[in-house]
Amino acid sequence: GQLVVFALLVCAGQADAGERALAPFRKLA
């Protein structure tokens, strides 16, 4: 019931590049 950012993300590519692309989102909070 608390407000959240319920996010769905898709990075089409290699696993290592995908992890790098997702890292900034994990650092937001």
PDB file of all heavy atoms in Angstrom:
ATOM      1  N   GLY A   1       0.786  -1.229   0.000  1.00  0.00           N
ATOM      2  CA  GLY A   1       0.000   0.000   0.000  1.00  0.00           C
ATOM      3  C   GLY A   1       0.816   1.274   0.000  1.00  0.00           C
ATOM      4  O   GLY A   1       0.254   2.361  -0.179  1.00  0.00           O
ATOM      5  N   GLN A   2       2.114   1.175   0.185  1.00  0.00           N
ATOM      6  CA  GLN A   2       2.975   2.356   0.146  1.00  0.00           C
ATOM      7  C   GLN A   2       3.353   2.672  -1.298  1.00  0.00           C
ATOM      8  O   GLN A   2       3.493   1.772  -2.133  1.00  0.00           O
ATOM      9  CB  GLN A   2       4.256   2.117   0.972  1.00  0.00           C
ATOM     10  CG  GLN A   2       4.000   1.796   2.431  1.00  0.00           C
ATOM     11  CD  GLN A   2       3.279   2.919   3.143  1.00  0.00           C
ATOM     12  OE1 GLN A   2       3.695   4.072   3.080  1.00  0.00           O
ATOM     13  NE2 GLN A   2       2.176   2.581   3.805  1.00  0.00           N
ATOM     14  N   LEU A   3       3.523   3.949  -1.608  1.00  0.00           N
ATOM     15  CA  LEU A   3       3.898   4.315  -2.974  1.00  0.00           C
ATOM     16  C   LEU A   3       5.292   3.801  -3.310  1.00  0.00           C
ATOM     17  O   LEU A   3       6.242   4.004  -2.545  1.00  0.00           O
ATOM     18  CB  LEU A   3       3.867   5.830  -3.157  1.00  0.00           C
ATOM     19  CG  LEU A   3       2.507   6.499  -3.340  1.00  0.00           C
ATOM     20  CD1 LEU A   3       2.714   7.969  -3.679  1.00  0.00           C
ATOM     21  CD2 LEU A   3       1.678   5.818  -4.415  1.00  0.00           C
ATOM     22  N   VAL A   4       5.374   3.154  -4.471  1.00  0.00           N
ATOM     23  CA  VAL A   4       6.652   2.617  -4.939  1.00  0.00           C
ATOM     24  C   VAL A   4       6.795   2.894  -6.434  1.00  0.00           C
ATOM     25  O   VAL A   4       5.821   3.221  -7.117  1.00  0.00           O
ATOM     26  CB  VAL A   4       6.765   1.092  -4.700  1.00  0.00           C
ATOM     27  CG1 VAL A   4       6.727   0.770  -3.213  1.00  0.00           C
ATOM     28  CG2 VAL A   4       5.680   0.326  -5.458  1.00  0.00           C
ATOM     29  N   VAL A   5       8.025   2.763  -6.907  1.00  0.00           N
ATOM     30  CA  VAL A   5       8.280   2.701  -8.342  1.00  0.00           C
ATOM     31  C   VAL A   5       8.341   1.225  -8.704  1.00  0.00           C
ATOM     32  O   VAL A   5       9.317   0.533  -8.385  1.00  0.00           O
ATOM     33  CB  VAL A   5       9.596   3.399  -8.721  1.00  0.00           C
ATOM     34  CG1 VAL A   5       9.846   3.288 -10.224  1.00  0.00           C
ATOM     35  CG2 VAL A   5       9.585   4.851  -8.284  1.00  0.00           C
ATOM     36  N   PHE A   6       7.275   0.735  -9.302  1.00  0.00           N
ATOM     37  CA  PHE A   6       7.190  -0.668  -9.712  1.00  0.00           C
ATOM     38  C   PHE A   6       7.655  -0.705 -11.166  1.00  0.00           C
ATOM     39  O   PHE A   6       6.898  -0.398 -12.080  1.00  0.00           O
ATOM     40  CB  PHE A   6       5.743  -1.143  -9.568  1.00  0.00           C
ATOM     41  CG  PHE A   6       5.537  -2.621  -9.751  1.00  0.00           C
ATOM     42  CD1 PHE A   6       5.224  -3.423  -8.675  1.00  0.00           C
ATOM     43  CD2 PHE A   6       5.640  -3.206 -11.007  1.00  0.00           C
ATOM     44  CE1 PHE A   6       5.016  -4.780  -8.833  1.00  0.00           C
ATOM     45  CE2 PHE A   6       5.448  -4.560 -11.182  1.00  0.00           C
ATOM     46  CZ  PHE A   6       5.134  -5.363 -10.098  1.00  0.00           C
ATOM     47  N   ALA A   7       8.910  -1.070 -11.357  1.00  0.00           N
ATOM     48  CA  ALA A   7       9.539  -0.933 -12.673  1.00  0.00           C
ATOM     49  C   ALA A   7       9.757  -2.281 -13.338  1.00  0.00           C
ATOM     50  O   ALA A   7      10.060  -3.282 -12.676  1.00  0.00           O
ATOM     51  CB  ALA A   7      10.874  -0.208 -12.546  1.00  0.00           C
ATOM     52  N   LEU A   8       9.609  -2.280 -14.651  1.00  0.00           N
ATOM     53  CA  LEU A   8       9.931  -3.421 -15.486  1.00  0.00           C
ATOM     54  C   LEU A   8      10.969  -2.951 -16.495  1.00  0.00           C
ATOM     55  O   LEU A   8      10.777  -1.936 -17.171  1.00  0.00           O
ATOM     56  CB  LEU A   8       8.685  -3.943 -16.198  1.00  0.00           C
ATOM     57  CG  LEU A   8       7.601  -4.488 -15.257  1.00  0.00           C
ATOM     58  CD1 LEU A   8       6.281  -4.665 -16.001  1.00  0.00           C
ATOM     59  CD2 LEU A   8       8.041  -5.804 -14.633  1.00  0.00           C
ATOM     60  N   LEU A   9      12.079  -3.675 -16.570  1.00  0.00           N
ATOM     61  CA  LEU A   9      13.195  -3.265 -17.413  1.00  0.00           C
ATOM     62  C   LEU A   9      13.620  -4.424 -18.297  1.00  0.00           C
ATOM     63  O   LEU A   9      13.637  -5.581 -17.851  1.00  0.00           O
ATOM     64  CB  LEU A   9      14.391  -2.799 -16.567  1.00  0.00           C
ATOM     65  CG  LEU A   9      14.130  -1.660 -15.572  1.00  0.00           C
ATOM     66  CD1 LEU A   9      13.780  -2.224 -14.194  1.00  0.00           C
ATOM     67  CD2 LEU A   9      15.351  -0.752 -15.448  1.00  0.00           C
ATOM     68  N   VAL A  10      13.969  -4.120 -19.533  1.00  0.00           N
ATOM     69  CA  VAL A  10      14.435  -5.138 -20.471  1.00  0.00           C
ATOM     70  C   VAL A  10      15.637  -4.584 -21.220  1.00  0.00           C
ATOM     71  O   VAL A  10      15.532  -3.566 -21.915  1.00  0.00           O
ATOM     72  CB  VAL A  10      13.334  -5.531 -21.476  1.00  0.00           C
ATOM     73  CG1 VAL A  10      13.917  -6.419 -22.576  1.00  0.00           C
ATOM     74  CG2 VAL A  10      12.198  -6.257 -20.769  1.00  0.00           C
ATOM     75  N   CYS A  11      16.770  -5.240 -21.065  1.00  0.00           N
ATOM     76  CA  CYS A  11      17.967  -4.886 -21.820  1.00  0.00           C
ATOM     77  C   CYS A  11      18.281  -6.029 -22.766  1.00  0.00           C
ATOM     78  O   CYS A  11      18.617  -7.144 -22.324  1.00  0.00           O
ATOM     79  CB  CYS A  11      19.154  -4.620 -20.892  1.00  0.00           C
ATOM     80  SG  CYS A  11      20.569  -3.895 -21.761  1.00  0.00           S
ATOM     81  N   ALA A  12      18.126  -5.790 -24.060  1.00  0.00           N
ATOM     82  CA  ALA A  12      18.349  -6.818 -25.070  1.00  0.00           C
ATOM     83  C   ALA A  12      19.816  -6.797 -25.472  1.00  0.00           C
ATOM     84  O   ALA A  12      20.251  -5.921 -26.217  1.00  0.00           O
ATOM     85  CB  ALA A  12      17.460  -6.558 -26.283  1.00  0.00           C
ATOM     86  N   GLY A  13      20.557  -7.743 -24.958  1.00  0.00           N
ATOM     87  CA  GLY A  13      21.981  -7.781 -25.265  1.00  0.00           C
ATOM     88  C   GLY A  13      22.706  -8.766 -24.369  1.00  0.00           C
ATOM     89  O   GLY A  13      22.089  -9.580 -23.676  1.00  0.00           O
ATOM     90  N   GLN A  14      24.006  -8.685 -24.373  1.00  0.00           N
ATOM     91  CA  GLN A  14      24.823  -9.579 -23.567  1.00  0.00           C
ATOM     92  C   GLN A  14      24.650  -9.285 -22.081  1.00  0.00           C
ATOM     93  O   GLN A  14      24.347  -8.156 -21.680  1.00  0.00           O
ATOM     94  CB  GLN A  14      26.297  -9.441 -23.956  1.00  0.00           C
ATOM     95  CG  GLN A  14      26.585  -9.822 -25.395  1.00  0.00           C
ATOM     96  CD  GLN A  14      26.277 -11.283 -25.688  1.00  0.00           C
ATOM     97  OE1 GLN A  14      26.580 -12.168 -24.876  1.00  0.00           O
ATOM     98  NE2 GLN A  14      25.668 -11.540 -26.842  1.00  0.00           N
ATOM     99  N   ALA A  15      24.881 -10.318 -21.260  1.00  0.00           N
ATOM    100  CA  ALA A  15      24.632 -10.204 -19.828  1.00  0.00           C
ATOM    101  C   ALA A  15      25.486  -9.119 -19.182  1.00  0.00           C
ATOM    102  O   ALA A  15      24.991  -8.342 -18.358  1.00  0.00           O
ATOM    103  CB  ALA A  15      24.877 -11.552 -19.146  1.00  0.00           C
ATOM    104  N   ASP A  16      26.766  -9.038 -19.543  1.00  0.00           N
ATOM    105  CA  ASP A  16      27.625  -8.055 -18.885  1.00  0.00           C
ATOM    106  C   ASP A  16      27.212  -6.629 -19.245  1.00  0.00           C
ATOM    107  O   ASP A  16      27.167  -5.745 -18.381  1.00  0.00           O
ATOM    108  CB  ASP A  16      29.096  -8.295 -19.235  1.00  0.00           C
ATOM    109  CG  ASP A  16      29.359  -8.340 -20.738  1.00  0.00           C
ATOM    110  OD1 ASP A  16      28.387  -8.401 -21.529  1.00  0.00           O
ATOM    111  OD2 ASP A  16      30.549  -8.320 -21.130  1.00  0.00           O
ATOM    112  N   ALA A  17      26.843  -6.410 -20.528  1.00  0.00           N
ATOM    113  CA  ALA A  17      26.381  -5.092 -20.932  1.00  0.00           C
ATOM    114  C   ALA A  17      25.050  -4.765 -20.263  1.00  0.00           C
ATOM    115  O   ALA A  17      24.793  -3.613 -19.877  1.00  0.00           O
ATOM    116  CB  ALA A  17      26.242  -5.025 -22.454  1.00  0.00           C
ATOM    117  N   GLY A  18      24.203  -5.762 -20.112  1.00  0.00           N
ATOM    118  CA  GLY A  18      22.927  -5.553 -19.446  1.00  0.00           C
ATOM    119  C   GLY A  18      23.092  -5.166 -17.992  1.00  0.00           C
ATOM    120  O   GLY A  18      22.407  -4.257 -17.494  1.00  0.00           O
ATOM    121  N   GLU A  19      23.990  -5.810 -17.320  1.00  0.00           N
ATOM    122  CA  GLU A  19      24.232  -5.476 -15.912  1.00  0.00           C
ATOM    123  C   GLU A  19      24.744  -4.045 -15.771  1.00  0.00           C
ATOM    124  O   GLU A  19      24.355  -3.315 -14.857  1.00  0.00           O
ATOM    125  CB  GLU A  19      25.235  -6.463 -15.299  1.00  0.00           C
ATOM    126  CG  GLU A  19      24.716  -7.888 -15.154  1.00  0.00           C
ATOM    127  CD  GLU A  19      23.606  -8.016 -14.126  1.00  0.00           C
ATOM    128  OE1 GLU A  19      23.400  -7.080 -13.316  1.00  0.00           O
ATOM    129  OE2 GLU A  19      22.929  -9.054 -14.122  1.00  0.00           O
ATOM    130  N   ARG A  20      25.604  -3.621 -16.698  1.00  0.00           N
ATOM    131  CA  ARG A  20      26.099  -2.246 -16.654  1.00  0.00           C
ATOM    132  C   ARG A  20      24.964  -1.249 -16.909  1.00  0.00           C
ATOM    133  O   ARG A  20      24.890  -0.198 -16.269  1.00  0.00           O
ATOM    134  CB  ARG A  20      27.211  -2.043 -17.689  1.00  0.00           C
ATOM    135  CG  ARG A  20      28.523  -2.733 -17.339  1.00  0.00           C
ATOM    136  CD  ARG A  20      29.671  -2.226 -18.208  1.00  0.00           C
ATOM    137  NE  ARG A  20      29.436  -2.488 -19.632  1.00  0.00           N
ATOM    138  CZ  ARG A  20      29.808  -3.618 -20.241  1.00  0.00           C
ATOM    139  NH1 ARG A  20      30.405  -4.583 -19.558  1.00  0.00           N
ATOM    140  NH2 ARG A  20      29.578  -3.781 -21.537  1.00  0.00           N
ATOM    141  N   ALA A  21      24.072  -1.584 -17.839  1.00  0.00           N
ATOM    142  CA  ALA A  21      22.966  -0.683 -18.148  1.00  0.00           C
ATOM    143  C   ALA A  21      21.989  -0.563 -16.985  1.00  0.00           C
ATOM    144  O   ALA A  21      21.370   0.494 -16.779  1.00  0.00           O
ATOM    145  CB  ALA A  21      22.236  -1.181 -19.391  1.00  0.00           C
ATOM    146  N   LEU A  22      21.839  -1.618 -16.192  1.00  0.00           N
ATOM    147  CA  LEU A  22      20.888  -1.618 -15.082  1.00  0.00           C
ATOM    148  C   LEU A  22      21.463  -1.030 -13.803  1.00  0.00           C
ATOM    149  O   LEU A  22      20.706  -0.651 -12.898  1.00  0.00           O
ATOM    150  CB  LEU A  22      20.409  -3.045 -14.812  1.00  0.00           C
ATOM    151  CG  LEU A  22      19.624  -3.711 -15.949  1.00  0.00           C
ATOM    152  CD1 LEU A  22      19.349  -5.165 -15.630  1.00  0.00           C
ATOM    153  CD2 LEU A  22      18.329  -2.975 -16.225  1.00  0.00           C
ATOM    154  N   ALA A  23      22.776  -0.938 -13.722  1.00  0.00           N
ATOM    155  CA  ALA A  23      23.418  -0.478 -12.484  1.00  0.00           C
ATOM    156  C   ALA A  23      22.922   0.891 -12.020  1.00  0.00           C
ATOM    157  O   ALA A  23      22.678   1.078 -10.807  1.00  0.00           O
ATOM    158  CB  ALA A  23      24.936  -0.470 -12.663  1.00  0.00           C
ATOM    159  N   PRO A  24      22.749   1.897 -12.900  1.00  0.00           N
ATOM    160  CA  PRO A  24      22.285   3.207 -12.407  1.00  0.00           C
ATOM    161  C   PRO A  24      20.926   3.160 -11.714  1.00  0.00           C
ATOM    162  O   PRO A  24      20.656   3.974 -10.825  1.00  0.00           O
ATOM    163  CB  PRO A  24      22.220   4.051 -13.687  1.00  0.00           C
ATOM    164  CG  PRO A  24      23.176   3.395 -14.632  1.00  0.00           C
ATOM    165  CD  PRO A  24      23.069   1.933 -14.337  1.00  0.00           C
ATOM    166  N   PHE A  25      20.066   2.249 -12.107  1.00  0.00           N
ATOM    167  CA  PHE A  25      18.741   2.158 -11.497  1.00  0.00           C
ATOM    168  C   PHE A  25      18.825   1.571 -10.095  1.00  0.00           C
ATOM    169  O   PHE A  25      18.109   2.004  -9.186  1.00  0.00           O
ATOM    170  CB  PHE A  25      17.814   1.330 -12.389  1.00  0.00           C
ATOM    171  CG  PHE A  25      17.624   1.921 -13.751  1.00  0.00           C
ATOM    172  CD1 PHE A  25      18.476   1.594 -14.805  1.00  0.00           C
ATOM    173  CD2 PHE A  25      16.605   2.836 -13.989  1.00  0.00           C
ATOM    174  CE1 PHE A  25      18.316   2.152 -16.054  1.00  0.00           C
ATOM    175  CE2 PHE A  25      16.427   3.401 -15.240  1.00  0.00           C
ATOM    176  CZ  PHE A  25      17.295   3.072 -16.278  1.00  0.00           C
ATOM    177  N   ARG A  26      19.700   0.612  -9.912  1.00  0.00           N
ATOM    178  CA  ARG A  26      19.882   0.020  -8.592  1.00  0.00           C
ATOM    179  C   ARG A  26      20.497   1.017  -7.615  1.00  0.00           C
ATOM    180  O   ARG A  26      20.310   0.909  -6.399  1.00  0.00           O
ATOM    181  CB  ARG A  26      20.777  -1.220  -8.696  1.00  0.00           C
ATOM    182  CG  ARG A  26      20.074  -2.425  -9.311  1.00  0.00           C
ATOM    183  CD  ARG A  26      21.049  -3.545  -9.547  1.00  0.00           C
ATOM    184  NE  ARG A  26      20.404  -4.845  -9.692  1.00  0.00           N
ATOM    185  CZ  ARG A  26      20.794  -5.786 -10.536  1.00  0.00           C
ATOM    186  NH1 ARG A  26      21.834  -5.560 -11.344  1.00  0.00           N
ATOM    187  NH2 ARG A  26      20.162  -6.947 -10.578  1.00  0.00           N
ATOM    188  N   LYS A  27      21.218   2.013  -8.140  1.00  0.00           N
ATOM    189  CA  LYS A  27      21.886   2.996  -7.284  1.00  0.00           C
ATOM    190  C   LYS A  27      20.964   4.143  -6.861  1.00  0.00           C
ATOM    191  O   LYS A  27      21.338   4.972  -6.027  1.00  0.00           O
ATOM    192  CB  LYS A  27      23.102   3.571  -8.009  1.00  0.00           C
ATOM    193  CG  LYS A  27      24.225   2.561  -8.232  1.00  0.00           C
ATOM    194  CD  LYS A  27      25.370   3.185  -9.026  1.00  0.00           C
ATOM    195  CE  LYS A  27      26.485   2.177  -9.265  1.00  0.00           C
ATOM    196  NZ  LYS A  27      27.581   2.751 -10.091  1.00  0.00           N
ATOM    197  N   LEU A  28      19.766   4.211  -7.440  1.00  0.00           N
ATOM    198  CA  LEU A  28      18.858   5.313  -7.108  1.00  0.00           C
ATOM    199  C   LEU A  28      18.411   5.262  -5.656  1.00  0.00           C
ATOM    200  O   LEU A  28      18.195   6.302  -5.024  1.00  0.00           O
ATOM    201  CB  LEU A  28      17.631   5.282  -8.030  1.00  0.00           C
ATOM    202  CG  LEU A  28      17.893   5.610  -9.501  1.00  0.00           C
ATOM    203  CD1 LEU A  28      16.660   5.293 -10.336  1.00  0.00           C
ATOM    204  CD2 LEU A  28      18.273   7.082  -9.648  1.00  0.00           C
ATOM    205  N   ALA A  29      18.248   4.067  -5.131  1.00  0.00           N
ATOM    206  CA  ALA A  29      17.839   3.863  -3.739  1.00  0.00           C
ATOM    207  C   ALA A  29      17.991   2.376  -3.446  1.00  0.00           C
ATOM    208  O   ALA A  29      18.104   1.557  -4.367  1.00  0.00           O
ATOM    209  CB  ALA A  29      16.393   4.301  -3.511  1.00  0.00           C
TER     210      ALA A  29
END
